[in-house]
Amino acid sequence: MTQTSPRQAGSEQARAHFTVPPKHPMVSVLGSGDALLRVIEDAFPATDIHVRGNEITATGDPDEVALVQRLFDEMMLVLRTGQPMTEDAVERSIAMLRGGKDGEAPAEESPAEVLTQNILSSRGRTIRPKTLNQKRYVDAIDTHTVVFGIGPAGTGKTYLAMAKAVQALQSKQVTRIILTRPAVEAGERLGFLPGTLYEKIDPYLRPLYDALHDMLDPDSIPRLMAAGTIEVAPLAYMRGRTLNDAFIILDEAQNTNPEQMKMFLTRLGFDSKIVVTGDVTQVDLPGGTKSGLRQVQEILGNVEGVHFSELSSTDVVRHKLVGRIVDAYDRYDHRAEEARRSEPAEHPGEHPPAGPARGSGGSGSGKGQRKQP
C-alpha cells in the first residue's frame, strides 16, 4: 500500500492518504458490507474517513490520523500473510495501538506481530495468539522453564499452553505430554456420581480431552495415550514421580492447596517444562483452605526461570459478553472489599460498656457484691 505522510490541513487538522494495492480486494480491507470500516469509524469518531475505489483518506486530529494510518499499515501486513482481518482483530489492533488500560503506553510489539504468530496448524486451522498478553504468555513459555498463566475464563491460558505442548511434541523437544487437574467439585459432590473411579474423574478431565481433539487427529489420541506419549490424569497421581523430558500442564490450579502446589512443582525433571494455569477468582476449595495458586506468587515471584503471565478481561477470546461479565464481577468484588475495609474495627483493649449486673442493678458481676449506699 502506498501512502502519503500526514500533512496539515489547517492549524488543528492533518490528512493522510492510502492506496490499497490491486492484489488486495477492497473487501479484505473494509470487510463484507464495510463491517471493518464501521469498526474503524466507531473507534475514531472525530476522524473523517473516505473511500473511493482503492483510495482511502483520513482527515482529523493529527494524533488520531497518525493512529489510523498506522492501523491500515498493520492491517496490510496481516493481509500479506494470507490471514484475513476480522472485526475482532481490528478492534484488538486498535486497542494495542492506543495502549492498555490506565494510560499504559502502546506496546512495543505491533498488532501484526501478535496476529500473525503461528503456534500450531492442525486439521485445516491455525492456532495463534489473539491479544498482546497472549503473545507474551506464549513467548514466556518458550523462554522459561516454569510459567504461570493466571487470568479469568476465556483468556486462552489453557488452550494456548496445550498448543505449545503439542508443538513441542511434534518438534521432538519433548517425548511426552502430561496434562493434570485437581479433582475438586464446584459446589457438587464427586462421590454421588455413578460409575467407577475413572468414570467419576473423567468429567473433570474432559476439557483437556476436548482441546486435544482440536489439535490432533482424534484417531491418533487413543494410540498416543496407550503408549504413554500423552497422559491425562488427576493431580493426585503425580505424587512420588519425577517427570523427565515432558511438557507438563497443571490446569485449574486455583483449586490446589499449598501442599499440592509444592508437590506438583517439585515433580519437574530434566529437559521438562511446566505450565500452570488458573483463575484466582474462581476457587472451589472448601471454606478456609488457602489456594496454592494465590500463595505461590509470593514464594516464587523472584525465582529465576519462573515467570508469571497475567491475563485480564481484555484477553477474553470468547463471546464479548464474557469479558463484560468478568469486569462486572471484578467491580462487585472491589466494592465488597472496600465495604469490608470501611467497617469500624474493634481495637484491642476497647470493650463496649458493661450493662447492669443481672438481677442486681449494679455494675459488678462477682457473687455477693452489693451496691454500696
Protein backbone atom coordinates (compact mmCIF):
# COMPACT_ATOMS: atom_id res chain seq x y z
CA MET A 1 0.00 0.00 0.00
CA THR A 2 1.41 3.38 -0.97
CA GLN A 3 0.61 6.36 1.17
CA THR A 4 1.46 9.98 1.83
CA SER A 5 2.64 11.21 5.20
CA PRO A 6 0.04 13.06 7.27
CA ARG A 7 0.09 16.74 6.29
CA GLN A 8 -1.52 19.69 7.93
CA ALA A 9 -4.94 20.58 6.50
CA GLY A 10 -5.32 23.55 8.83
CA SER A 11 -3.97 24.66 12.16
CA GLU A 12 -5.50 21.70 14.04
CA GLN A 13 -6.06 19.01 11.40
CA ALA A 14 -4.00 16.53 9.43
CA ARG A 15 -4.70 14.40 6.40
CA ALA A 16 -3.34 11.02 5.35
CA HIS A 17 -3.88 9.20 2.06
CA PHE A 18 -3.65 5.44 1.45
CA THR A 19 -3.67 3.44 -1.76
CA VAL A 20 -4.53 -0.25 -1.45
CA PRO A 21 -2.59 -2.40 -3.96
CA PRO A 22 -4.76 -4.08 -6.61
CA LYS A 23 -3.75 -7.56 -5.38
CA HIS A 24 -5.76 -6.95 -2.19
CA PRO A 25 -9.52 -6.73 -2.87
CA MET A 26 -11.07 -3.81 -1.03
CA VAL A 27 -13.49 -6.20 0.68
CA SER A 28 -10.50 -7.72 2.52
CA VAL A 29 -9.59 -4.26 3.85
CA LEU A 30 -13.07 -2.84 4.51
CA GLY A 31 -14.89 -6.07 5.30
CA SER A 32 -18.08 -7.57 3.96
CA GLY A 33 -20.67 -4.79 3.86
CA ASP A 34 -17.96 -2.39 5.12
CA ALA A 35 -18.05 -4.10 8.53
CA LEU A 36 -14.35 -3.44 9.22
CA LEU A 37 -14.65 0.17 8.11
CA ARG A 38 -17.52 0.70 10.56
CA VAL A 39 -15.36 -0.65 13.40
CA ILE A 40 -12.63 1.86 12.49
CA GLU A 41 -15.09 4.76 12.19
CA ASP A 42 -16.62 3.91 15.57
CA ALA A 43 -13.15 3.85 17.14
CA PHE A 44 -12.17 7.22 15.59
CA PRO A 45 -15.45 9.20 15.62
CA ALA A 46 -13.73 12.59 15.21
CA THR A 47 -11.80 11.46 12.12
CA ASP A 48 -13.36 11.65 8.64
CA ILE A 49 -12.53 8.52 6.65
CA HIS A 50 -13.48 8.49 2.97
CA VAL A 51 -13.11 5.63 0.48
CA ARG A 52 -13.12 5.98 -3.30
CA GLY A 53 -12.11 2.94 -5.29
CA ASN A 54 -8.90 1.70 -3.72
CA GLU A 55 -8.10 5.13 -2.26
CA ILE A 56 -8.64 5.86 1.46
CA THR A 57 -8.33 9.32 3.01
CA ALA A 58 -8.38 10.18 6.72
CA THR A 59 -8.72 13.76 8.00
CA GLY A 60 -8.81 14.96 11.58
CA ASP A 61 -6.71 15.40 14.70
CA PRO A 62 -3.02 14.74 13.87
CA ASP A 63 -2.60 12.11 16.60
CA GLU A 64 -5.78 10.27 15.59
CA VAL A 65 -4.90 10.41 11.90
CA ALA A 66 -1.47 9.00 12.68
CA LEU A 67 -3.15 6.09 14.51
CA VAL A 68 -5.49 5.46 11.58
CA GLN A 69 -2.52 5.45 9.23
CA ARG A 70 -0.65 3.01 11.47
CA LEU A 71 -3.75 0.81 11.72
CA PHE A 72 -4.05 0.46 7.93
CA ASP A 73 -0.32 -0.30 7.75
CA GLU A 74 -0.74 -3.12 10.29
CA MET A 75 -3.82 -4.46 8.53
CA MET A 76 -1.91 -4.66 5.25
CA LEU A 77 0.95 -6.54 6.94
CA VAL A 78 -1.53 -9.10 8.24
CA LEU A 79 -3.28 -9.43 4.87
CA ARG A 80 0.05 -10.05 3.12
CA THR A 81 0.46 -13.25 5.14
CA GLY A 82 -2.82 -14.54 3.72
CA GLN A 83 -4.61 -14.25 7.05
CA PRO A 84 -7.98 -12.45 6.83
CA MET A 85 -8.83 -9.50 9.04
CA THR A 86 -11.90 -9.81 11.26
CA GLU A 87 -13.85 -7.24 13.26
CA ASP A 88 -12.37 -8.69 16.45
CA ALA A 89 -8.83 -8.46 15.03
CA VAL A 90 -9.37 -4.82 14.03
CA GLU A 91 -10.71 -3.95 17.49
CA ARG A 92 -7.76 -5.64 19.17
CA SER A 93 -5.32 -3.92 16.81
CA ILE A 94 -6.77 -0.52 17.70
CA ALA A 95 -6.54 -1.34 21.43
CA MET A 96 -2.87 -2.31 21.02
CA LEU A 97 -2.06 0.89 19.12
CA ARG A 98 -3.82 3.09 21.66
CA GLY A 99 -2.20 1.39 24.64
CA GLY A 100 -3.55 -0.59 27.55
CA LYS A 101 -5.69 0.31 30.50
CA ASP A 102 -4.92 3.11 32.94
CA GLY A 103 -2.93 5.16 30.44
CA GLU A 104 -0.37 2.49 29.62
CA ALA A 105 1.90 3.30 26.70
CA PRO A 106 1.37 1.42 23.44
CA ALA A 107 3.14 -1.91 23.36
CA GLU A 108 6.50 -2.41 21.70
CA GLU A 109 5.02 -5.34 19.77
CA SER A 110 2.98 -4.38 16.72
CA PRO A 111 -0.52 -5.77 16.09
CA ALA A 112 0.80 -7.59 13.02
CA GLU A 113 3.45 -9.34 15.13
CA VAL A 114 0.77 -10.53 17.54
CA LEU A 115 -1.85 -11.58 15.00
CA THR A 116 0.48 -13.44 12.64
CA GLN A 117 2.42 -15.53 15.17
CA ASN A 118 1.50 -19.14 14.40
CA ILE A 119 1.77 -21.73 17.15
CA LEU A 120 0.23 -24.81 15.61
CA SER A 121 -1.53 -25.70 12.35
CA SER A 122 -3.83 -28.68 12.60
CA ARG A 123 -6.83 -30.01 10.75
CA GLY A 124 -7.12 -27.01 8.47
CA ARG A 125 -6.92 -24.34 11.17
CA THR A 126 -4.11 -22.36 12.76
CA ILE A 127 -3.82 -21.65 16.48
CA ARG A 128 -2.25 -18.28 17.24
CA PRO A 129 -2.41 -15.62 19.98
CA LYS A 130 -5.10 -13.00 19.51
CA THR A 131 -4.04 -10.42 22.08
CA LEU A 132 -0.79 -8.83 23.24
CA ASN A 133 -0.85 -10.57 26.63
CA GLN A 134 -1.47 -13.91 24.94
CA LYS A 135 1.58 -13.37 22.73
CA ARG A 136 3.71 -12.50 25.76
CA TYR A 137 2.38 -15.59 27.54
CA VAL A 138 3.30 -17.82 24.59
CA ASP A 139 6.75 -16.20 24.33
CA ALA A 140 7.29 -16.77 28.06
CA ILE A 141 6.60 -20.48 27.60
CA ASP A 142 9.40 -20.56 25.03
CA THR A 143 11.93 -18.83 27.28
CA HIS A 144 11.13 -20.08 30.81
CA THR A 145 11.06 -23.49 32.44
CA VAL A 146 8.05 -22.83 34.68
CA VAL A 147 5.28 -20.46 33.57
CA PHE A 148 2.12 -19.49 35.43
CA GLY A 149 -0.78 -18.32 33.27
CA ILE A 150 -3.23 -16.53 35.57
CA GLY A 151 -6.44 -14.97 34.29
CA PRO A 152 -10.21 -15.22 34.01
CA ALA A 153 -12.20 -17.72 31.98
CA GLY A 154 -11.91 -17.46 28.22
CA THR A 155 -8.44 -15.90 28.02
CA GLY A 156 -6.96 -18.96 26.28
CA LYS A 157 -4.44 -19.72 29.00
CA THR A 158 -5.02 -23.49 28.92
CA TYR A 159 -5.69 -23.77 25.19
CA LEU A 160 -2.53 -21.93 24.20
CA ALA A 161 -0.46 -23.94 26.68
CA MET A 162 -1.76 -27.16 25.16
CA ALA A 163 -0.99 -25.89 21.66
CA LYS A 164 2.60 -25.22 22.78
CA ALA A 165 2.75 -28.71 24.29
CA VAL A 166 1.62 -30.35 21.03
CA GLN A 167 4.07 -28.17 19.11
CA ALA A 168 6.91 -29.28 21.43
CA LEU A 169 5.94 -32.93 20.99
CA GLN A 170 5.74 -32.71 17.21
CA SER A 171 9.11 -30.94 17.01
CA LYS A 172 10.63 -33.61 19.32
CA GLN A 173 11.56 -31.08 22.02
CA VAL A 174 9.85 -33.46 24.49
CA THR A 175 8.82 -37.10 24.29
CA ARG A 176 5.54 -36.85 26.16
CA ILE A 177 2.77 -34.53 27.30
CA ILE A 178 1.29 -34.76 30.80
CA LEU A 179 -1.99 -32.96 31.48
CA THR A 180 -3.36 -32.82 35.00
CA ARG A 181 -6.10 -31.19 37.05
CA PRO A 182 -7.15 -31.31 40.70
CA ALA A 183 -10.45 -33.21 41.02
CA VAL A 184 -12.27 -30.57 43.06
CA GLU A 185 -16.04 -30.17 42.86
CA ALA A 186 -17.51 -26.77 42.01
CA GLY A 187 -20.28 -26.91 44.62
CA GLU A 188 -21.08 -30.55 43.85
CA ARG A 189 -20.12 -33.90 45.33
CA LEU A 190 -17.93 -36.25 43.30
CA GLY A 191 -18.88 -39.29 45.36
CA PHE A 192 -22.54 -39.14 44.33
CA LEU A 193 -21.68 -39.55 40.62
CA PRO A 194 -22.35 -43.04 39.27
CA GLY A 195 -19.65 -45.37 37.96
CA THR A 196 -16.08 -46.35 38.74
CA LEU A 197 -13.36 -44.02 39.99
CA TYR A 198 -12.18 -43.37 36.42
CA GLU A 199 -15.74 -42.61 35.29
CA LYS A 200 -16.15 -40.19 38.18
CA ILE A 201 -12.86 -38.41 37.42
CA ASP A 202 -13.39 -38.25 33.65
CA PRO A 203 -15.72 -35.19 33.67
CA TYR A 204 -13.01 -33.14 35.39
CA LEU A 205 -10.50 -34.01 32.67
CA ARG A 206 -12.94 -33.71 29.76
CA PRO A 207 -11.94 -30.10 28.82
CA LEU A 208 -8.36 -31.32 28.32
CA TYR A 209 -9.54 -34.13 26.04
CA ASP A 210 -11.65 -31.66 24.07
CA ALA A 211 -8.64 -29.42 23.44
CA LEU A 212 -6.56 -32.40 22.33
CA HIS A 213 -9.22 -33.30 19.78
CA ASP A 214 -8.91 -29.78 18.34
CA MET A 215 -5.16 -30.12 17.89
CA LEU A 216 -4.56 -33.75 16.94
CA ASP A 217 -6.14 -36.36 14.73
CA PRO A 218 -8.80 -37.89 17.02
CA ASP A 219 -7.91 -41.39 15.80
CA SER A 220 -4.30 -40.94 16.96
CA ILE A 221 -5.16 -39.85 20.51
CA PRO A 222 -6.04 -43.33 21.93
CA ARG A 223 -2.83 -44.72 20.42
CA LEU A 224 -0.71 -41.91 21.91
CA MET A 225 -2.36 -42.34 25.30
CA ALA A 226 -1.90 -46.11 25.23
CA ALA A 227 1.81 -45.59 24.51
CA GLY A 228 2.15 -43.08 27.36
CA THR A 229 3.05 -40.27 24.95
CA ILE A 230 0.05 -38.33 26.21
CA GLU A 231 -1.14 -38.75 29.78
CA VAL A 232 -4.25 -37.13 31.24
CA ALA A 233 -4.58 -37.74 34.97
CA PRO A 234 -5.81 -36.16 38.21
CA LEU A 235 -3.24 -34.25 40.23
CA ALA A 236 -3.14 -36.87 42.99
CA TYR A 237 -1.49 -39.27 40.53
CA MET A 238 1.57 -37.01 40.26
CA ARG A 239 2.80 -37.67 43.80
CA GLY A 240 6.10 -39.50 44.07
CA ARG A 241 7.03 -39.11 40.39
CA THR A 242 9.90 -37.35 38.60
CA LEU A 243 8.81 -36.13 35.17
CA ASN A 244 11.71 -36.01 32.71
CA ASP A 245 11.64 -34.94 29.06
CA ALA A 246 8.00 -33.87 29.33
CA PHE A 247 5.72 -30.89 28.78
CA ILE A 248 3.54 -30.78 31.90
CA ILE A 249 0.39 -28.68 32.26
CA LEU A 250 -1.48 -28.19 35.54
CA ASP A 251 -4.92 -26.75 34.79
CA GLU A 252 -7.41 -25.23 37.29
CA ALA A 253 -4.50 -24.67 39.66
CA GLN A 254 -6.54 -22.31 41.84
CA ASN A 255 -8.07 -25.48 43.29
CA THR A 256 -4.78 -26.78 44.64
CA ASN A 257 -3.83 -26.20 48.24
CA PRO A 258 -0.27 -25.01 49.07
CA GLU A 259 0.95 -28.55 49.78
CA GLN A 260 -0.35 -29.85 46.44
CA MET A 261 1.23 -26.95 44.56
CA LYS A 262 4.62 -27.63 46.15
CA MET A 263 4.27 -31.35 45.43
CA PHE A 264 3.47 -30.70 41.77
CA LEU A 265 6.24 -28.17 41.12
CA THR A 266 8.84 -30.47 42.63
CA ARG A 267 7.93 -33.20 40.09
CA LEU A 268 9.94 -31.24 37.49
CA GLY A 269 12.66 -33.37 35.91
CA PHE A 270 15.40 -32.81 33.34
CA ASP A 271 14.54 -31.37 29.92
CA SER A 272 10.97 -30.70 31.04
CA LYS A 273 8.75 -27.66 31.08
CA ILE A 274 5.82 -26.83 33.36
CA VAL A 275 2.87 -24.55 32.64
CA VAL A 276 0.40 -23.85 35.45
CA THR A 277 -2.92 -22.21 34.61
CA GLY A 278 -5.73 -20.96 36.78
CA ASP A 279 -8.18 -18.22 37.75
CA VAL A 280 -7.74 -16.98 41.32
CA THR A 281 -11.27 -15.53 41.30
CA GLN A 282 -12.88 -18.98 40.91
CA VAL A 283 -11.57 -21.03 43.83
CA ASP A 284 -13.74 -24.08 44.63
CA LEU A 285 -11.77 -25.30 47.65
CA PRO A 286 -13.64 -25.95 50.92
CA GLY A 287 -14.01 -22.93 53.16
CA GLY A 288 -10.84 -21.92 54.96
CA THR A 289 -8.49 -23.77 52.59
CA LYS A 290 -5.90 -21.45 51.05
CA SER A 291 -5.35 -21.63 47.29
CA GLY A 292 -1.85 -22.74 46.34
CA LEU A 293 -2.03 -20.56 43.22
CA ARG A 294 -2.68 -17.44 45.29
CA GLN A 295 0.24 -18.20 47.56
CA VAL A 296 2.83 -19.32 45.01
CA GLN A 297 3.49 -15.89 43.51
CA GLU A 298 4.61 -14.62 46.90
CA ILE A 299 7.01 -17.56 47.18
CA LEU A 300 8.38 -17.84 43.62
CA GLY A 301 7.95 -14.29 42.32
CA ASN A 302 11.71 -13.65 42.23
CA VAL A 303 12.95 -17.15 41.35
CA GLU A 304 14.96 -17.29 38.12
CA GLY A 305 13.39 -19.49 35.46
CA VAL A 306 9.87 -18.93 36.80
CA HIS A 307 7.55 -16.48 35.03
CA PHE A 308 4.06 -15.21 35.89
CA SER A 309 1.84 -14.12 32.98
CA GLU A 310 -1.22 -12.10 33.93
CA LEU A 311 -4.22 -12.09 31.58
CA SER A 312 -7.32 -9.95 32.02
CA SER A 313 -10.81 -9.40 30.66
CA THR A 314 -9.28 -7.64 27.62
CA ASP A 315 -7.73 -11.00 26.66
CA VAL A 316 -11.03 -12.91 26.66
CA VAL A 317 -11.48 -14.51 23.25
CA ARG A 318 -14.95 -15.92 23.80
CA HIS A 319 -18.20 -14.01 23.30
CA LYS A 320 -17.74 -10.30 24.08
CA LEU A 321 -20.25 -10.63 26.90
CA VAL A 322 -17.82 -12.89 28.79
CA GLY A 323 -15.36 -10.00 29.14
CA ARG A 324 -18.12 -7.74 30.41
CA ILE A 325 -19.22 -10.39 32.91
CA VAL A 326 -15.64 -10.72 34.19
CA ASP A 327 -15.37 -6.92 34.58
CA ALA A 328 -18.73 -6.74 36.38
CA TYR A 329 -17.67 -9.39 38.90
CA ASP A 330 -14.34 -7.61 39.43
CA ARG A 331 -16.15 -4.35 40.18
CA TYR A 332 -18.52 -6.14 42.56
CA ASP A 333 -15.64 -7.82 44.41
CA HIS A 334 -13.81 -4.49 44.63
CA ARG A 335 -16.85 -2.76 46.13
CA ALA A 336 -17.38 -5.61 48.60
CA GLU A 337 -13.72 -5.44 49.66
CA GLU A 338 -13.90 -1.66 50.14
CA ALA A 339 -17.08 -2.02 52.18
CA ARG A 340 -15.44 -4.66 54.35
CA ARG A 341 -12.41 -2.45 54.98
CA SER A 342 -14.56 0.56 55.82
CA GLU A 343 -16.41 -1.28 58.59
CA PRO A 344 -15.30 0.01 62.02
CA ALA A 345 -12.92 -2.45 63.65
CA GLU A 346 -12.84 -3.14 67.39
CA HIS A 347 -9.42 -2.15 68.69
CA PRO A 348 -7.62 -4.27 71.29
CA GLY A 349 -8.39 -3.13 74.81
CA GLU A 350 -11.62 -1.44 73.81
CA HIS A 351 -14.77 -3.07 75.10
CA PRO A 352 -18.38 -1.99 74.96
CA PRO A 353 -19.73 -0.50 78.21
CA ALA A 354 -20.96 -3.18 80.55
CA GLY A 355 -24.65 -3.25 81.35
CA PRO A 356 -26.05 -3.57 84.84
CA ALA A 357 -25.36 -6.83 86.65
CA ARG A 358 -28.07 -9.39 86.07
CA GLY A 359 -30.70 -9.16 88.76
CA SER A 360 -28.80 -6.65 90.94
CA GLY A 361 -28.95 -3.34 89.10
CA GLY A 362 -25.23 -2.89 89.84
CA SER A 363 -22.19 -2.80 87.53
CA GLY A 364 -20.31 -5.65 89.19
CA SER A 365 -20.57 -9.27 88.22
CA GLY A 366 -18.98 -11.03 91.24
CA LYS A 367 -21.05 -13.13 93.60
CA GLY A 368 -22.28 -11.43 96.77
CA GLN A 369 -21.49 -7.93 95.52
CA ARG A 370 -23.97 -5.32 96.67
CA LYS A 371 -24.49 -1.79 95.60
CA GLN A 372 -22.95 0.38 98.30
CA PRO A 373 -25.05 3.25 99.64
